[in-house]
Structure formats: structure tokens, C-alpha cells
Amino acid sequence: MEEKFKLNLEGTTLKVILGAELAMENAPAMQQSLNSYLGQDIRKIVFDATDLAIISSAGIRCIIFARQELGQKPEIVFVNCSKDIYEVFQITGLFRFIEFVEDDRIKDRKGS
């Protein structure tokens, strides 16, 4: 099964490039990948959500796990989050601990 995401640790920042979905199909693989970073000094997690169109409760659990279990409550940043995905975070109340930013360099690189 295609994982539909990529993780890369750069210093104390974990960068996660998300695919079109973070849902039941790939959330367990994401959870397993995140588990491999337990115990490391992660201060910031940057999720590139440029392509993210769907997030389910399983995907939301991955975000909560990242916030609660990796590092000492690392800063969570979502880059290029769509309005629909942002609304999911508003409804769940999770938007309070997430910084949302736009990065045109990422959009340009993907041809958007």
C-alpha cells in the first residue's frame, strides 16, 4: 500500500509532507512512522498540507499523537491548509494549538 506521506527530521523539526488523504487507509502507517521518532528532541512539526483534501478522525488522531507524544509538546504548523481542512480543525477545536501558514514556494513547486 502506498503510504501517501513522507517524513524527514531536520534538526529539531520534523517535516511531514502529506498526500491527498490522511484517513483510515494510511493513518496507521503514519502512526507507525511517527512512533519511530519517540524520544527524540522534536520541537516543531511542520505538516505540508498543500495536497491534503481529506482528513478523517484517524488522521486527526495522528495529529493529536504528534502533539502529545513527540518531544515536549512541539509547535505544530500546517502549511498551505485548504479552507475545508481548516474548518475540520475549527470544529474539533484543534486549531487552537496549530499555526496555519501559506508558503507560495511550495505551491509554485507543485505547479498550483
N, C-alpha and C. Protein backbone atom coordinates (compact mmCIF):
# COMPACT_ATOMS: atom_id res chain seq x y z
N MET A 1 0.84 -1.19 0.00
CA MET A 1 0.00 0.00 0.00
C MET A 1 0.89 1.25 0.00
N GLU A 2 0.55 2.21 -0.81
CA GLU A 2 1.28 3.47 -0.86
C GLU A 2 1.00 4.26 0.41
N GLU A 3 2.06 4.80 1.04
CA GLU A 3 1.90 5.50 2.30
C GLU A 3 1.24 6.87 2.13
N LYS A 4 1.49 7.55 1.03
CA LYS A 4 0.89 8.85 0.74
C LYS A 4 1.36 9.96 1.68
N PHE A 5 2.54 9.83 2.24
CA PHE A 5 3.14 10.87 3.06
C PHE A 5 4.63 10.60 3.15
N LYS A 6 5.39 11.63 3.53
CA LYS A 6 6.83 11.49 3.72
C LYS A 6 7.22 12.25 4.97
N LEU A 7 8.13 11.68 5.76
CA LEU A 7 8.62 12.32 6.98
C LEU A 7 10.13 12.50 6.87
N ASN A 8 10.60 13.63 7.40
CA ASN A 8 12.02 13.92 7.38
C ASN A 8 12.36 14.79 8.59
N LEU A 9 13.31 14.32 9.41
CA LEU A 9 13.74 15.09 10.58
C LEU A 9 14.93 15.95 10.20
N GLU A 10 14.78 17.26 10.39
CA GLU A 10 15.85 18.22 10.14
C GLU A 10 16.12 18.96 11.43
N GLY A 11 17.18 18.55 12.13
CA GLY A 11 17.48 19.14 13.44
C GLY A 11 16.40 18.76 14.42
N THR A 12 15.70 19.77 14.96
CA THR A 12 14.61 19.53 15.92
C THR A 12 13.24 19.72 15.26
N THR A 13 13.22 19.81 13.93
CA THR A 13 11.96 19.99 13.19
C THR A 13 11.65 18.74 12.38
N LEU A 14 10.49 18.17 12.62
CA LEU A 14 10.01 17.04 11.83
C LEU A 14 9.12 17.58 10.73
N LYS A 15 9.50 17.32 9.49
CA LYS A 15 8.71 17.78 8.35
C LYS A 15 7.92 16.60 7.80
N VAL A 16 6.62 16.83 7.61
CA VAL A 16 5.72 15.78 7.13
C VAL A 16 5.03 16.31 5.88
N ILE A 17 5.28 15.67 4.76
CA ILE A 17 4.59 16.04 3.51
C ILE A 17 3.41 15.09 3.36
N LEU A 18 2.22 15.65 3.40
CA LEU A 18 1.01 14.86 3.32
C LEU A 18 0.55 14.72 1.88
N GLY A 19 -0.09 13.60 1.58
CA GLY A 19 -0.70 13.39 0.27
C GLY A 19 -2.11 13.94 0.27
N ALA A 20 -2.94 13.40 -0.59
CA ALA A 20 -4.31 13.89 -0.72
C ALA A 20 -5.19 13.53 0.46
N GLU A 21 -4.85 12.44 1.17
CA GLU A 21 -5.67 11.98 2.28
C GLU A 21 -4.83 11.64 3.50
N LEU A 22 -5.39 11.89 4.65
CA LEU A 22 -4.88 11.33 5.90
C LEU A 22 -6.11 10.74 6.57
N ALA A 23 -6.32 9.46 6.27
CA ALA A 23 -7.55 8.79 6.67
C ALA A 23 -7.25 7.35 7.08
N MET A 24 -8.28 6.57 7.29
CA MET A 24 -8.15 5.20 7.78
C MET A 24 -7.19 4.38 6.91
N GLU A 25 -7.17 4.65 5.63
CA GLU A 25 -6.32 3.88 4.71
C GLU A 25 -4.83 4.02 5.02
N ASN A 26 -4.39 5.23 5.38
CA ASN A 26 -2.95 5.43 5.60
C ASN A 26 -2.59 5.95 6.99
N ALA A 27 -3.56 6.26 7.82
CA ALA A 27 -3.27 6.77 9.17
C ALA A 27 -2.49 5.76 10.02
N PRO A 28 -2.79 4.45 9.97
CA PRO A 28 -1.98 3.52 10.76
C PRO A 28 -0.49 3.54 10.35
N ALA A 29 -0.22 3.67 9.07
CA ALA A 29 1.18 3.76 8.61
C ALA A 29 1.81 5.06 9.09
N MET A 30 1.04 6.14 9.07
CA MET A 30 1.54 7.42 9.58
C MET A 30 1.85 7.30 11.07
N GLN A 31 0.95 6.67 11.82
CA GLN A 31 1.15 6.48 13.25
C GLN A 31 2.43 5.68 13.50
N GLN A 32 2.63 4.64 12.74
CA GLN A 32 3.83 3.81 12.89
C GLN A 32 5.09 4.63 12.58
N SER A 33 5.03 5.44 11.54
CA SER A 33 6.17 6.29 11.19
C SER A 33 6.45 7.31 12.30
N LEU A 34 5.40 7.91 12.85
CA LEU A 34 5.58 8.86 13.94
C LEU A 34 6.18 8.19 15.17
N ASN A 35 5.77 6.95 15.44
CA ASN A 35 6.31 6.21 16.59
C ASN A 35 7.82 6.09 16.52
N SER A 36 8.39 6.05 15.33
CA SER A 36 9.84 5.89 15.20
C SER A 36 10.59 7.14 15.67
N TYR A 37 9.87 8.24 15.89
CA TYR A 37 10.50 9.48 16.36
C TYR A 37 10.31 9.71 17.86
N LEU A 38 9.69 8.77 18.56
CA LEU A 38 9.51 8.90 20.01
C LEU A 38 10.87 9.01 20.68
N GLY A 39 10.96 9.87 21.70
CA GLY A 39 12.19 10.02 22.46
C GLY A 39 13.20 10.97 21.84
N GLN A 40 12.90 11.51 20.67
CA GLN A 40 13.82 12.46 20.04
C GLN A 40 13.43 13.89 20.42
N ASP A 41 14.38 14.79 20.31
CA ASP A 41 14.16 16.19 20.68
C ASP A 41 13.48 16.93 19.53
N ILE A 42 12.18 16.74 19.42
CA ILE A 42 11.40 17.39 18.37
C ILE A 42 10.69 18.59 18.98
N ARG A 43 10.98 19.76 18.43
CA ARG A 43 10.39 20.99 18.96
C ARG A 43 9.32 21.58 18.04
N LYS A 44 9.35 21.13 16.79
CA LYS A 44 8.41 21.67 15.81
C LYS A 44 8.07 20.56 14.81
N ILE A 45 6.78 20.47 14.47
CA ILE A 45 6.34 19.54 13.43
C ILE A 45 5.62 20.36 12.37
N VAL A 46 6.14 20.30 11.15
CA VAL A 46 5.58 21.06 10.04
C VAL A 46 4.90 20.08 9.09
N PHE A 47 3.59 20.22 8.95
CA PHE A 47 2.81 19.40 8.03
C PHE A 47 2.58 20.20 6.76
N ASP A 48 3.10 19.72 5.64
CA ASP A 48 2.83 20.34 4.35
C ASP A 48 1.51 19.77 3.86
N ALA A 49 0.46 20.58 3.93
CA ALA A 49 -0.89 20.14 3.57
C ALA A 49 -1.31 20.65 2.20
N THR A 50 -0.34 20.99 1.36
CA THR A 50 -0.63 21.54 0.04
C THR A 50 -1.58 20.64 -0.75
N ASP A 51 -1.38 19.32 -0.68
CA ASP A 51 -2.21 18.38 -1.45
C ASP A 51 -3.33 17.76 -0.64
N LEU A 52 -3.41 18.05 0.66
CA LEU A 52 -4.37 17.39 1.54
C LEU A 52 -5.80 17.85 1.25
N ALA A 53 -6.65 16.90 0.89
CA ALA A 53 -8.05 17.20 0.59
C ALA A 53 -9.00 16.55 1.59
N ILE A 54 -8.55 15.46 2.23
CA ILE A 54 -9.41 14.70 3.15
C ILE A 54 -8.63 14.36 4.41
N ILE A 55 -9.23 14.63 5.56
CA ILE A 55 -8.68 14.17 6.83
C ILE A 55 -9.84 13.56 7.62
N SER A 56 -9.62 12.35 8.12
CA SER A 56 -10.65 11.67 8.89
C SER A 56 -10.29 11.71 10.37
N SER A 57 -11.13 11.11 11.19
CA SER A 57 -10.83 11.04 12.62
C SER A 57 -9.53 10.29 12.88
N ALA A 58 -9.23 9.29 12.05
CA ALA A 58 -7.97 8.56 12.20
C ALA A 58 -6.78 9.48 11.93
N GLY A 59 -6.91 10.35 10.95
CA GLY A 59 -5.87 11.33 10.65
C GLY A 59 -5.72 12.35 11.77
N ILE A 60 -6.83 12.77 12.33
CA ILE A 60 -6.80 13.72 13.44
C ILE A 60 -6.09 13.10 14.64
N ARG A 61 -6.33 11.81 14.88
CA ARG A 61 -5.64 11.13 15.98
C ARG A 61 -4.12 11.18 15.79
N CYS A 62 -3.66 11.07 14.54
CA CYS A 62 -2.22 11.17 14.26
C CYS A 62 -1.68 12.54 14.65
N ILE A 63 -2.43 13.59 14.36
CA ILE A 63 -2.00 14.96 14.70
C ILE A 63 -1.96 15.11 16.22
N ILE A 64 -2.98 14.61 16.90
CA ILE A 64 -3.01 14.69 18.37
C ILE A 64 -1.85 13.92 18.97
N PHE A 65 -1.59 12.72 18.45
CA PHE A 65 -0.46 11.92 18.93
C PHE A 65 0.84 12.69 18.77
N ALA A 66 1.04 13.28 17.60
CA ALA A 66 2.27 14.03 17.34
C ALA A 66 2.43 15.15 18.37
N ARG A 67 1.37 15.84 18.66
CA ARG A 67 1.41 16.96 19.61
C ARG A 67 1.68 16.48 21.04
N GLN A 68 1.05 15.38 21.43
CA GLN A 68 1.13 14.94 22.82
C GLN A 68 2.34 14.05 23.13
N GLU A 69 2.81 13.31 22.15
CA GLU A 69 3.81 12.28 22.44
C GLU A 69 5.21 12.56 21.90
N LEU A 70 5.33 13.39 20.88
CA LEU A 70 6.64 13.66 20.30
C LEU A 70 7.23 14.91 20.94
N GLY A 71 8.44 14.81 21.45
CA GLY A 71 9.08 15.96 22.08
C GLY A 71 8.32 16.43 23.29
N GLN A 72 8.48 17.68 23.63
CA GLN A 72 7.79 18.30 24.76
C GLN A 72 6.70 19.23 24.23
N LYS A 73 5.61 18.65 23.76
CA LYS A 73 4.52 19.41 23.15
C LYS A 73 5.07 20.36 22.08
N PRO A 74 5.54 19.79 20.99
CA PRO A 74 6.14 20.61 19.93
C PRO A 74 5.14 21.55 19.28
N GLU A 75 5.68 22.61 18.71
CA GLU A 75 4.87 23.54 17.92
C GLU A 75 4.38 22.77 16.69
N ILE A 76 3.10 22.92 16.36
CA ILE A 76 2.52 22.27 15.19
C ILE A 76 2.19 23.34 14.16
N VAL A 77 2.69 23.15 12.93
CA VAL A 77 2.45 24.10 11.85
C VAL A 77 1.86 23.36 10.67
N PHE A 78 0.79 23.91 10.10
CA PHE A 78 0.22 23.38 8.87
C PHE A 78 0.47 24.40 7.77
N VAL A 79 1.12 23.96 6.71
CA VAL A 79 1.46 24.83 5.59
C VAL A 79 0.48 24.55 4.45
N ASN A 80 -0.08 25.62 3.91
CA ASN A 80 -0.98 25.55 2.76
C ASN A 80 -2.19 24.66 3.01
N CYS A 81 -2.83 24.85 4.14
CA CYS A 81 -4.01 24.08 4.53
C CYS A 81 -5.24 24.66 3.81
N SER A 82 -6.02 23.79 3.19
CA SER A 82 -7.23 24.26 2.50
C SER A 82 -8.27 24.74 3.51
N LYS A 83 -9.22 25.50 3.02
CA LYS A 83 -10.30 26.01 3.87
C LYS A 83 -11.09 24.85 4.48
N ASP A 84 -11.35 23.81 3.71
CA ASP A 84 -12.13 22.68 4.21
C ASP A 84 -11.40 21.96 5.35
N ILE A 85 -10.10 21.76 5.19
CA ILE A 85 -9.33 21.09 6.25
C ILE A 85 -9.25 21.99 7.48
N TYR A 86 -9.06 23.29 7.27
CA TYR A 86 -9.03 24.23 8.39
C TYR A 86 -10.35 24.17 9.17
N GLU A 87 -11.46 24.08 8.46
CA GLU A 87 -12.77 24.01 9.12
C GLU A 87 -12.89 22.76 9.99
N VAL A 88 -12.29 21.65 9.57
CA VAL A 88 -12.29 20.44 10.40
C VAL A 88 -11.56 20.73 11.71
N PHE A 89 -10.42 21.41 11.62
CA PHE A 89 -9.68 21.75 12.84
C PHE A 89 -10.46 22.74 13.71
N GLN A 90 -11.22 23.64 13.11
CA GLN A 90 -12.06 24.55 13.89
C GLN A 90 -13.14 23.78 14.63
N ILE A 91 -13.82 22.89 13.93
CA ILE A 91 -14.92 22.12 14.52
C ILE A 91 -14.43 21.29 15.70
N THR A 92 -13.25 20.70 15.55
CA THR A 92 -12.71 19.84 16.61
C THR A 92 -12.03 20.63 17.72
N GLY A 93 -11.79 21.92 17.49
CA GLY A 93 -11.11 22.75 18.48
C GLY A 93 -9.59 22.65 18.42
N LEU A 94 -9.07 21.85 17.51
CA LEU A 94 -7.62 21.66 17.42
C LEU A 94 -6.88 22.86 16.85
N PHE A 95 -7.61 23.76 16.19
CA PHE A 95 -6.96 24.93 15.59
C PHE A 95 -6.25 25.79 16.63
N ARG A 96 -6.61 25.64 17.89
CA ARG A 96 -6.02 26.46 18.96
C ARG A 96 -4.53 26.19 19.15
N PHE A 97 -4.08 25.00 18.86
CA PHE A 97 -2.65 24.71 19.04
C PHE A 97 -1.91 24.49 17.73
N ILE A 98 -2.52 24.90 16.62
CA ILE A 98 -1.89 24.76 15.31
C ILE A 98 -1.69 26.14 14.71
N GLU A 99 -0.49 26.37 14.17
CA GLU A 99 -0.23 27.59 13.41
C GLU A 99 -0.47 27.26 11.94
N PHE A 100 -1.21 28.10 11.25
CA PHE A 100 -1.51 27.90 9.84
C PHE A 100 -0.77 28.96 9.03
N VAL A 101 0.03 28.52 8.06
CA VAL A 101 0.80 29.45 7.23
C VAL A 101 0.66 29.08 5.76
N GLU A 102 0.88 30.08 4.92
CA GLU A 102 0.90 29.88 3.47
C GLU A 102 2.34 29.94 3.00
N ASP A 103 2.72 29.07 2.10
CA ASP A 103 4.07 29.08 1.54
C ASP A 103 3.97 28.95 0.03
N ASP A 104 4.07 30.08 -0.65
CA ASP A 104 3.95 30.10 -2.11
C ASP A 104 5.04 29.31 -2.80
N ARG A 105 6.21 29.18 -2.16
CA ARG A 105 7.29 28.40 -2.77
C ARG A 105 6.86 26.95 -2.95
N ILE A 106 6.12 26.41 -1.99
CA ILE A 106 5.66 25.03 -2.09
C ILE A 106 4.60 24.94 -3.18
N LYS A 107 3.67 25.87 -3.20
CA LYS A 107 2.63 25.85 -4.23
C LYS A 107 3.24 25.96 -5.63
N ASP A 108 4.22 26.86 -5.80
CA ASP A 108 4.85 27.02 -7.09
C ASP A 108 5.56 25.76 -7.53
N ARG A 109 6.23 25.09 -6.60
CA ARG A 109 6.98 23.88 -6.91
C ARG A 109 6.05 22.77 -7.40
N LYS A 110 4.80 22.78 -6.93
CA LYS A 110 3.86 21.74 -7.29
C LYS A 110 2.98 22.16 -8.46
N GLY A 111 3.22 23.35 -8.98
CA GLY A 111 2.50 23.80 -10.16
C GLY A 111 1.11 24.33 -9.88
N SER A 112 0.82 24.72 -8.66
CA SER A 112 -0.50 25.26 -8.33
C SER A 112 -0.61 26.70 -8.73
